[in-house]
Each structure stands twice: as C-alpha cells, then as structure tokens.
Amino acid sequence: MKIVVLKFGGTSVGTIKKIKRVAKIIIDYKKKNYKVIVVSSAMSGVTNELIKKSFEISNGFSESEHDVLVSSGEQVACSLIAGRLIHDGYESRSWLSWQIPILTKGKYKNSRINQINKGNIIKYLKKGGIPVVTGFQGLNDENRITTIGRGGSDASAIMLAKFFKAERCIIYTDVEGVYTTDPNKLKNAKKIKTISYEEMLEMASLGAKVMQPVSIQDARLNRIDIEVRSSFSKKSGTLITKRSNIINNKIVTGISSTQNDSKVSLIGVRDKPGVAAAIFKPLSKNLINVDMVVQNISANGKETDLTFTIKTDDLNKTKKIIQQNKTINYRKLLFEKGVSKISVIGVGMITTPGVTFRMFQSLANEKINIKVISTSEIKISVLIDKKNTQKALIALHKEFKLDKKK
C-alpha cells in the first residue's frame, strides 16, 4: 500500500472554516491513490483552556486525570475532520488512541510511544476508509490514557509513519516550512528546501518553533523523512532528512535566537570535585532547564567562576534555590536579565575553518559585545544584550549569505 501520514496542527484546525480546508487537502491525497492516515492536534487554544480548568479545580490536579482531560481536545478535532470527510462523500471515522491501540511507556504528561497495533487500521485502509487519529495520546499498561508532551501530535505522526511504513510524513502547520531565521524577526529570511535532522534538532532546541526537539529526535532515530508545509498554501515546504540526502554548498543553514534568557554567575566558587553537580542538581529537581555553561578557573586553581543561562521565568526560583543551597560556597552571586542567545547552525561548519572568526568579526563590526560562548560540532552560540538581537540577526544573515535563495 502507498501510505501517506498527514498531521495537522492546532492552527490548521483552529476554526470550522479551516477544518473544511483540511478536508480538501486530505481528499487531494486520496485522489492521488494514497491510503491516507490523518493525525490531528486539538483546535488551537483548546488544550490551554483545559489545563486552565484543571488549575481552577485543584493546584495538585491528578496527573492521570490531567491526561484524560487534555486528550479530549484531539477527540473533538478528529471527529469534526471525519465528519467533514463523510459530508464530502468519503468513508472516514475518528480513531482514539485506545481504539487502535497506541501503546505508551513512561510517566503521565510525558509518555513515549512504544508500539502501535496495526491490524484494525490496515483493514480500514484496505476497504477505502480514511482514519483520523488523535495525536498527542496513547494507552499505558494500566489501560489509562497518557499524553506524549509538547509536540506530541508530531511524535504520533512520526511513529505512525514508522509502524505503517508510510512513503511520506507531512506536517501541516501555519508556516510554509523551516526558514533560515524567524521570518517575523527578519523579513529577508528564506525558506530552506532541505535540512538535516541534526540541523533541525539544533534549530528546534535553540528557539525555532516549527517542531519540538523530541519529535525531530524520533524522526532521526527512525529515519523518517518529514515534510513541513503550510495548510494555507500550495507552495512546497521543507524536507527534513538525513545528511547524505542533502546536496548543499551552504556553510551555515540557519540562525536561531531566543528572547527570554537570563545569565547567572557564581563568582569565587571553591574548585573541588562535585561542586558543579551540587549547583545544578537542585535546579534539575525543580525542572529548571540550564543552557549555556561556562567555567573559568582562577590562576591559583583554588576558585572558579561559573556562568550559565536559564529562562527569565525561572530567575526568581533559581536565585532562591542557590541562596538556600548550603553545600556550595561562593563570594558573589550575579544575575543579568535582558540577554539573548544567537546561534549559527550548519553541518557545513564541520569541514569549513574560519566560521567562528567570521561570526565574531561580524558582531564586532556592529559593536555587539559577546558575554558567553558555547559551541558544538554544527553550532556556535553567543549570548548578547537583547537590544542587539535584530542587529545581530541582520549582520549574520548577510555574512553567511543566507539572504540568497537556496
């Protein structure tokens, strides 16, 4: 069977008018003789409203009931899509995770898909039906509904593509694909035709909102090619695939930026084994994500200065945790809001010398001071004043010739 998995995000199914448009897209693939498996998110805003209701009920709302509650949004969207397809003369029905079933492992709110039983869906496809599957959810070994966390509907689509050996997995959203940088921040941003899993993973983890990192990682591990495209345009999108499929002479593929970061510095920390773990362990336990980390050891080797970045929303909690941590000693604790992380990303950096120099020189030419530097094989990130974000994006976009069409 020639199977395609089509996933529609919340903005794509946000209104009745948009759901009717989605039905037309699905029918177009059906007319091309594809066996179509549809995956849908909840209508935009619905999940947040359900979570808000849970907080109004209880500050300690049951995690298992949380998953039952928030999964209901997908049920509504899938029923409406299937209903429209039936109206248009096609056999269709909604499939909830437990009806397939999609089996998951792990904790409530953040499970992972472990197995998908294919039998019932295969039978339905063979008789010409269009299954509309609830994304974002599954069933655990206690027969309870679970949810898959942020980007869960993308993960559902990717795993369905894996288990059903789909020829294509297409993620429909409100943008036409992945761009060299956020087009809302830079009008010269260009759509990328093809991007590697590794590059997309870096861009997603560094601020690009097209897909969640966990979904990209699932696609990479299972070697599922993904096309990201808009449900509001017929233009081609961006293909996310393995490196060997990409012929690209670009050194840098994209630039990401963040807007809600703060810098934390512990000055004069006693340098001994385990001190970094003592600092970061309580932050981890409190679900505070630490990003860029830089350590400078003093000349006498007895003290170290430790700097790291966090989300500004976590700043007050971080300050309190560090000040109450009696296992570490330091001379001074400094915080700085209003910083932004700028990252250049590209697999071409692996074999091309001079990228670091070009980045730093480009920022220096704009009188932009670098506060923190972090690197990996395919990424260079710097921390700068937030007020210079736009200027930095323009300079780097031009320096690495991302203004030109690919």
Protein backbone atom coordinates (compact mmCIF):
# COMPACT_ATOMS: atom_id res chain seq x y z
CA MET A 1 0.00 0.00 0.00
CA LYS A 2 1.09 3.54 -0.79
CA ILE A 3 0.51 5.20 2.60
CA VAL A 4 0.87 8.88 3.50
CA VAL A 5 0.59 10.27 7.04
CA LEU A 6 -0.80 13.81 7.21
CA LYS A 7 -0.58 15.66 10.51
CA PHE A 8 -2.48 18.91 11.11
CA GLY A 9 -1.50 21.28 13.90
CA GLY A 10 -3.83 23.32 16.10
CA THR A 11 -3.72 26.41 13.89
CA SER A 12 -4.62 24.30 10.84
CA VAL A 13 -7.82 23.07 12.56
CA GLY A 14 -8.46 26.21 14.62
CA THR A 15 -11.87 27.03 13.09
CA ILE A 16 -14.65 25.25 11.21
CA LYS A 17 -13.58 27.05 8.03
CA LYS A 18 -10.03 25.76 8.46
CA ILE A 19 -11.24 22.21 9.11
CA LYS A 20 -13.15 22.33 5.80
CA ARG A 21 -9.89 23.38 4.10
CA VAL A 22 -8.06 20.49 5.80
CA ALA A 23 -10.66 18.04 4.45
CA LYS A 24 -9.93 19.27 0.91
CA ILE A 25 -6.19 18.68 1.42
CA ILE A 26 -6.88 15.14 2.62
CA ILE A 27 -9.16 14.45 -0.34
CA ASP A 28 -6.45 15.68 -2.76
CA TYR A 29 -4.11 12.92 -1.48
CA LYS A 30 -6.91 10.37 -1.66
CA LYS A 31 -7.44 11.29 -5.32
CA LYS A 32 -3.72 10.61 -5.94
CA ASN A 33 -4.37 6.99 -4.84
CA TYR A 34 -2.71 7.32 -1.45
CA LYS A 35 -4.00 5.41 1.55
CA VAL A 36 -4.26 8.37 3.93
CA ILE A 37 -3.76 8.28 7.71
CA VAL A 38 -4.66 11.63 9.28
CA VAL A 39 -3.33 12.81 12.65
CA SER A 40 -4.76 15.91 14.29
CA SER A 41 -3.91 18.18 17.19
CA ALA A 42 -6.64 19.88 19.21
CA MET A 43 -8.07 23.10 17.83
CA SER A 44 -5.76 25.99 18.70
CA GLY A 45 -6.19 27.23 22.27
CA VAL A 46 -8.32 24.28 23.42
CA THR A 47 -5.56 22.42 25.31
CA ASN A 48 -4.54 25.57 27.18
CA GLU A 49 -8.17 26.16 28.19
CA LEU A 50 -8.45 22.60 29.50
CA ILE A 51 -5.24 22.98 31.52
CA LYS A 52 -6.57 26.26 32.94
CA LYS A 53 -9.73 24.45 34.08
CA SER A 54 -7.62 21.82 35.86
CA PHE A 55 -5.84 24.54 37.84
CA GLU A 56 -9.21 26.04 38.80
CA ILE A 57 -10.24 22.64 40.17
CA SER A 58 -7.01 21.94 42.08
CA ASN A 59 -3.42 23.15 42.37
CA GLY A 60 -2.45 19.48 42.66
CA PHE A 61 -4.66 18.11 39.89
CA SER A 62 -4.14 14.37 39.35
CA GLU A 63 -1.61 13.69 36.59
CA SER A 64 -3.55 10.71 35.25
CA GLU A 65 -6.76 12.77 35.13
CA HIS A 66 -4.80 15.62 33.52
CA ASP A 67 -4.03 13.32 30.59
CA VAL A 68 -7.68 12.23 30.29
CA LEU A 69 -8.74 15.87 30.32
CA VAL A 70 -6.30 17.37 27.83
CA SER A 71 -6.57 14.44 25.40
CA SER A 72 -10.23 15.31 24.85
CA GLY A 73 -9.24 18.25 22.63
CA GLU A 74 -7.87 15.94 19.94
CA GLN A 75 -11.03 13.84 20.10
CA VAL A 76 -13.15 16.87 19.18
CA ALA A 77 -10.90 17.92 16.26
CA CYS A 78 -10.71 14.40 14.82
CA SER A 79 -14.47 13.95 14.98
CA LEU A 80 -15.01 17.23 13.12
CA ILE A 81 -12.49 16.32 10.40
CA ALA A 82 -14.01 12.85 9.94
CA GLY A 83 -17.49 14.38 9.91
CA ARG A 84 -16.50 16.75 7.11
CA LEU A 85 -14.93 13.95 5.06
CA ILE A 86 -18.15 11.94 5.41
CA HIS A 87 -20.11 15.03 4.32
CA ASP A 88 -17.89 15.21 1.21
CA GLY A 89 -18.74 11.62 0.28
CA TYR A 90 -15.74 9.70 1.72
CA GLU A 91 -15.68 6.89 4.23
CA SER A 92 -13.98 8.15 7.37
CA ARG A 93 -14.04 7.83 11.13
CA SER A 94 -12.11 9.09 14.13
CA TRP A 95 -9.82 6.70 15.97
CA LEU A 96 -8.92 7.37 19.60
CA SER A 97 -5.59 6.08 20.85
CA TRP A 98 -7.16 3.29 22.90
CA GLN A 99 -9.19 2.06 19.92
CA ILE A 100 -6.11 1.26 17.81
CA PRO A 101 -4.40 0.97 20.38
CA ILE A 102 -1.29 3.15 20.53
CA LEU A 103 0.72 1.81 23.47
CA THR A 104 3.00 4.04 25.52
CA LYS A 105 5.67 3.79 28.21
CA GLY A 106 6.68 6.36 30.80
CA LYS A 107 5.06 8.91 33.07
CA TYR A 108 1.79 10.73 32.59
CA LYS A 109 2.16 14.05 30.72
CA ASN A 110 5.37 12.84 29.06
CA SER A 111 4.99 9.28 27.76
CA ARG A 112 6.62 7.86 24.64
CA ILE A 113 5.02 5.65 22.01
CA ASN A 114 6.28 2.08 22.30
CA GLN A 115 4.01 0.08 20.00
CA ILE A 116 1.14 0.62 17.55
CA ASN A 117 -1.20 -2.25 16.79
CA LYS A 118 -1.77 -2.01 13.05
CA GLY A 119 -4.45 -4.63 12.35
CA ASN A 120 -7.64 -2.59 12.62
CA ILE A 121 -6.25 0.43 10.76
CA ILE A 122 -4.85 -1.76 7.95
CA LYS A 123 -8.29 -3.37 7.47
CA TYR A 124 -9.91 0.05 7.40
CA LEU A 125 -7.42 1.41 4.87
CA LYS A 126 -7.89 -1.62 2.60
CA LYS A 127 -11.62 -1.00 2.37
CA GLY A 128 -11.01 2.61 1.39
CA GLY A 129 -11.53 4.34 4.72
CA ILE A 130 -9.69 7.45 5.93
CA PRO A 131 -8.74 7.02 9.60
CA VAL A 132 -8.44 10.28 11.56
CA VAL A 133 -6.23 9.51 14.56
CA THR A 134 -5.94 11.54 17.74
CA GLY A 135 -2.39 12.78 18.14
CA PHE A 136 -0.64 13.50 21.43
CA GLN A 137 -2.01 10.48 23.28
CA GLY A 138 -1.69 6.78 23.93
CA LEU A 139 -2.57 3.97 26.32
CA ASN A 140 -0.32 2.65 29.11
CA ASP A 141 -0.07 -0.83 30.58
CA GLU A 142 -2.65 0.11 33.24
CA ASN A 143 -5.20 0.80 30.49
CA ARG A 144 -5.10 4.55 31.23
CA ILE A 145 -4.87 7.35 28.68
CA THR A 146 -1.48 9.06 28.57
CA THR A 147 -0.21 12.12 26.74
CA ILE A 148 3.10 12.48 24.96
CA GLY A 149 4.09 16.02 25.99
CA ARG A 150 4.99 19.07 23.92
CA GLY A 151 4.94 18.32 20.20
CA GLY A 152 3.11 15.09 20.93
CA SER A 153 0.97 15.11 17.80
CA ASP A 154 4.11 15.42 15.65
CA ALA A 155 5.57 12.44 17.52
CA SER A 156 2.34 10.48 16.93
CA ALA A 157 2.53 11.14 13.19
CA ILE A 158 6.20 10.16 13.00
CA MET A 159 5.62 6.89 14.85
CA LEU A 160 2.57 6.06 12.72
CA ALA A 161 4.73 6.64 9.63
CA LYS A 162 7.30 4.26 11.10
CA PHE A 163 4.92 1.42 12.03
CA PHE A 164 2.87 1.65 8.82
CA LYS A 165 5.96 2.14 6.63
CA ALA A 166 4.47 5.27 5.08
CA GLU A 167 6.01 6.69 1.91
CA ARG A 168 5.57 10.24 3.21
CA CYS A 169 5.01 12.00 6.53
CA ILE A 170 3.80 15.57 6.12
CA ILE A 171 3.40 18.01 8.99
CA TYR A 172 0.91 20.76 8.14
CA THR A 173 1.22 23.96 10.12
CA ASP A 174 0.67 27.72 9.69
CA VAL A 175 4.07 28.40 8.07
CA GLU A 176 5.36 27.30 4.67
CA GLY A 177 8.36 25.44 6.09
CA VAL A 178 11.57 25.99 8.02
CA TYR A 179 13.27 29.34 7.48
CA THR A 180 16.89 30.48 7.76
CA THR A 181 15.73 32.51 10.76
CA ASP A 182 12.42 33.62 12.21
CA PRO A 183 10.64 35.48 9.37
CA ASN A 184 8.77 37.51 11.98
CA LYS A 185 12.11 38.93 13.13
CA LEU A 186 13.83 39.27 9.76
CA LYS A 187 11.94 39.89 6.52
CA ASN A 188 14.90 38.59 4.45
CA ALA A 189 14.57 35.11 5.97
CA LYS A 190 14.43 32.44 3.27
CA LYS A 191 12.66 29.12 3.26
CA ILE A 192 15.03 26.15 3.44
CA LYS A 193 14.30 23.42 0.88
CA THR A 194 16.11 20.60 2.70
CA ILE A 195 17.62 20.42 6.19
CA SER A 196 19.26 17.57 8.09
CA TYR A 197 17.82 16.05 11.25
CA GLU A 198 20.84 17.32 13.18
CA GLU A 199 20.46 20.91 11.96
CA MET A 200 16.72 20.90 12.59
CA LEU A 201 17.25 19.44 16.05
CA GLU A 202 19.66 22.26 16.91
CA MET A 203 17.33 24.91 15.48
CA ALA A 204 14.32 23.50 17.34
CA SER A 205 16.20 23.32 20.65
CA LEU A 206 17.54 26.85 20.15
CA GLY A 207 14.24 28.60 19.60
CA ALA A 208 12.75 27.61 16.22
CA LYS A 209 9.10 26.79 16.95
CA VAL A 210 8.17 24.79 13.84
CA MET A 211 8.63 21.43 15.61
CA GLN A 212 9.58 20.24 19.08
CA PRO A 213 13.06 18.68 19.54
CA VAL A 214 11.68 15.36 20.81
CA SER A 215 9.75 14.87 17.55
CA ILE A 216 12.82 15.61 15.45
CA GLN A 217 14.79 13.11 17.51
CA ASP A 218 12.11 10.44 16.94
CA ALA A 219 12.28 11.09 13.20
CA ARG A 220 16.08 10.91 13.22
CA LEU A 221 16.24 7.67 15.21
CA ASN A 222 13.66 6.03 12.95
CA ARG A 223 14.94 7.61 9.70
CA ILE A 224 11.52 9.07 8.84
CA ASP A 225 11.69 11.90 6.31
CA ILE A 226 9.36 14.75 7.24
CA GLU A 227 7.97 17.47 5.05
CA VAL A 228 6.85 20.64 6.84
CA ARG A 229 4.40 22.75 4.87
CA SER A 230 1.51 25.16 5.26
CA SER A 231 -2.13 24.12 5.24
CA PHE A 232 -2.93 27.60 3.90
CA SER A 233 -0.69 27.50 0.82
CA LYS A 234 0.04 25.09 -2.04
CA LYS A 235 3.73 26.01 -2.11
CA SER A 236 6.31 23.30 -1.40
CA GLY A 237 7.66 23.10 2.14
CA THR A 238 10.88 21.98 3.82
CA LEU A 239 12.14 18.39 3.78
CA ILE A 240 13.82 17.19 6.98
CA THR A 241 16.04 14.24 6.12
CA LYS A 242 19.42 12.59 6.72
CA ARG A 243 22.65 14.41 5.83
CA SER A 244 23.56 12.12 2.96
CA ASN A 245 20.38 13.12 1.10
CA ILE A 246 21.36 16.79 1.07
CA ILE A 247 23.47 18.45 -1.60
CA ASN A 248 24.18 21.84 -0.11
CA ASN A 249 27.05 24.29 -0.52
CA LYS A 250 25.92 26.42 2.40
CA ILE A 251 28.27 26.51 5.40
CA VAL A 252 25.54 27.82 7.69
CA THR A 253 21.96 26.61 7.21
CA GLY A 254 20.12 28.79 9.71
CA ILE A 255 20.29 31.23 12.60
CA SER A 256 18.22 30.91 15.79
CA SER A 257 17.65 33.43 18.54
CA THR A 258 15.99 33.44 21.94
CA GLN A 259 14.35 36.36 23.71
CA ASN A 260 13.64 35.23 27.25
CA ASP A 261 17.03 34.37 28.74
CA SER A 262 18.87 35.45 31.88
CA LYS A 263 22.50 34.97 32.89
CA VAL A 264 23.51 33.64 36.30
CA SER A 265 27.10 33.89 37.58
CA LEU A 266 28.60 32.43 40.74
CA ILE A 267 31.89 34.21 41.43
CA GLY A 268 34.63 32.67 43.57
CA VAL A 269 33.25 29.16 43.91
CA ARG A 270 35.63 26.78 45.68
CA ASP A 271 37.01 24.49 42.96
CA LYS A 272 36.63 20.86 44.04
CA PRO A 273 35.12 17.68 42.57
CA GLY A 274 31.33 17.65 42.67
CA VAL A 275 30.79 21.38 43.04
CA ALA A 276 29.09 21.76 39.64
CA ALA A 277 26.80 18.80 40.38
CA ALA A 278 25.92 20.37 43.75
CA ILE A 279 24.88 23.57 41.96
CA PHE A 280 22.88 22.01 39.15
CA LYS A 281 21.23 19.03 40.90
CA PRO A 282 18.64 21.09 42.84
CA LEU A 283 17.91 23.13 39.70
CA SER A 284 17.23 19.92 37.79
CA LYS A 285 14.96 18.62 40.55
CA ASN A 286 12.94 21.83 40.26
CA LEU A 287 12.63 21.38 36.46
CA ILE A 288 14.79 24.42 35.68
CA ASN A 289 16.49 23.99 32.32
CA VAL A 290 20.11 25.16 32.31
CA ASP A 291 21.51 26.08 28.93
CA MET A 292 24.92 27.66 28.18
CA VAL A 293 27.50 26.82 30.85
CA VAL A 294 30.96 28.41 31.09
CA GLN A 295 33.53 27.79 33.83
CA ASN A 296 36.69 29.82 34.40
CA ILE A 297 39.28 28.53 36.88
CA SER A 298 41.47 31.05 38.72
CA ALA A 299 45.24 31.13 38.22
CA ASN A 300 45.87 29.53 41.63
CA GLY A 301 43.44 26.70 40.80
CA LYS A 302 41.51 27.11 44.07
CA GLU A 303 38.49 29.04 42.83
CA THR A 304 36.26 29.03 39.79
CA ASP A 305 33.67 31.38 38.29
CA LEU A 306 30.63 29.54 36.94
CA THR A 307 28.20 31.17 34.49
CA PHE A 308 25.07 29.66 32.98
CA THR A 309 21.82 30.75 31.33
CA ILE A 310 18.21 29.98 32.20
CA LYS A 311 14.79 31.20 31.13
CA THR A 312 13.90 34.52 32.76
CA ASP A 313 10.66 32.97 34.05
CA ASP A 314 12.82 30.73 36.28
CA LEU A 315 15.08 33.52 37.56
CA ASN A 316 13.47 34.13 40.96
CA LYS A 317 13.18 30.41 41.68
CA THR A 318 16.82 29.88 40.66
CA LYS A 319 18.01 32.70 42.91
CA LYS A 320 16.15 31.24 45.88
CA ILE A 321 17.44 27.69 45.27
CA ILE A 322 21.08 28.81 45.02
CA GLN A 323 20.87 31.05 48.10
CA GLN A 324 19.36 28.21 50.13
CA ASN A 325 21.96 25.68 48.93
CA LYS A 326 24.27 25.20 51.94
CA THR A 327 26.54 22.71 50.14
CA ILE A 328 28.24 25.37 48.00
CA ASN A 329 30.36 28.42 48.87
CA TYR A 330 30.87 31.47 46.66
CA ARG A 331 31.88 35.09 47.07
CA LYS A 332 29.23 36.71 44.88
CA LEU A 333 26.03 35.80 43.05
CA LEU A 334 25.17 37.87 39.96
CA PHE A 335 22.07 37.90 37.74
CA GLU A 336 21.52 39.63 34.42
CA LYS A 337 18.21 39.89 32.58
CA GLY A 338 17.74 41.21 29.07
CA VAL A 339 20.10 38.87 27.24
CA SER A 340 19.56 36.89 24.05
CA LYS A 341 21.25 33.80 22.63
CA ILE A 342 22.16 33.91 18.94
CA SER A 343 23.20 30.66 17.26
CA VAL A 344 24.51 29.83 13.80
CA ILE A 345 23.83 26.24 12.73
CA GLY A 346 25.07 24.14 9.82
CA VAL A 347 26.65 20.77 9.07
CA GLY A 348 28.96 22.61 6.65
CA MET A 349 30.76 24.04 9.66
CA ILE A 350 32.33 20.64 10.34
CA THR A 351 34.64 20.85 7.30
CA THR A 352 34.95 24.63 6.96
CA PRO A 353 37.52 26.56 9.02
CA GLY A 354 37.02 30.21 9.96
CA VAL A 355 33.29 30.18 10.78
CA THR A 356 33.91 31.23 14.39
CA PHE A 357 36.12 34.13 13.30
CA ARG A 358 33.56 35.30 10.73
CA MET A 359 30.77 35.23 13.31
CA PHE A 360 32.75 37.11 15.94
CA GLN A 361 34.10 39.66 13.45
CA SER A 362 30.64 40.29 12.06
CA LEU A 363 29.31 41.03 15.55
CA ALA A 364 32.36 43.16 16.39
CA ASN A 365 31.78 45.27 13.27
CA GLU A 366 28.33 46.07 14.68
CA LYS A 367 29.83 46.92 18.12
CA ILE A 368 27.99 43.95 19.69
CA ASN A 369 29.67 42.60 22.81
CA ILE A 370 29.74 38.82 23.41
CA LYS A 371 29.05 37.74 27.01
CA VAL A 372 29.15 33.93 26.77
CA ILE A 373 30.24 31.49 24.04
CA SER A 374 29.12 27.87 23.55
CA THR A 375 29.97 25.55 20.66
CA SER A 376 29.23 22.11 19.27
CA GLU A 377 30.18 20.32 16.06
CA ILE A 378 27.49 22.08 13.99
CA LYS A 379 26.61 25.09 16.15
CA ILE A 380 28.12 28.26 17.62
CA SER A 381 26.04 30.15 20.20
CA VAL A 382 26.79 33.51 21.79
CA LEU A 383 25.00 35.47 24.48
CA ILE A 384 24.49 39.18 23.77
CA ASP A 385 22.34 42.06 25.02
CA LYS A 386 18.74 41.52 23.97
CA LYS A 387 18.58 45.02 22.47
CA ASN A 388 21.15 43.93 19.85
CA THR A 389 19.26 40.81 18.69
CA GLN A 390 17.85 42.29 15.50
CA LYS A 391 21.14 43.91 14.54
CA ALA A 392 22.99 40.62 15.11
CA LEU A 393 20.48 38.62 13.03
CA ILE A 394 20.80 41.03 10.10
CA ALA A 395 24.62 41.02 10.25
CA LEU A 396 24.98 37.22 10.49
CA HIS A 397 22.30 36.52 7.91
CA LYS A 398 24.23 38.70 5.48
CA GLU A 399 27.69 37.41 6.48
CA PHE A 400 26.77 33.78 5.75
CA LYS A 401 24.85 34.70 2.57
CA LEU A 402 21.52 33.34 3.81
CA ASP A 403 19.74 36.20 2.02
CA LYS A 404 20.32 34.34 -1.24
CA LYS A 405 17.80 31.75 -2.42
CA LYS A 406 18.73 28.12 -1.93
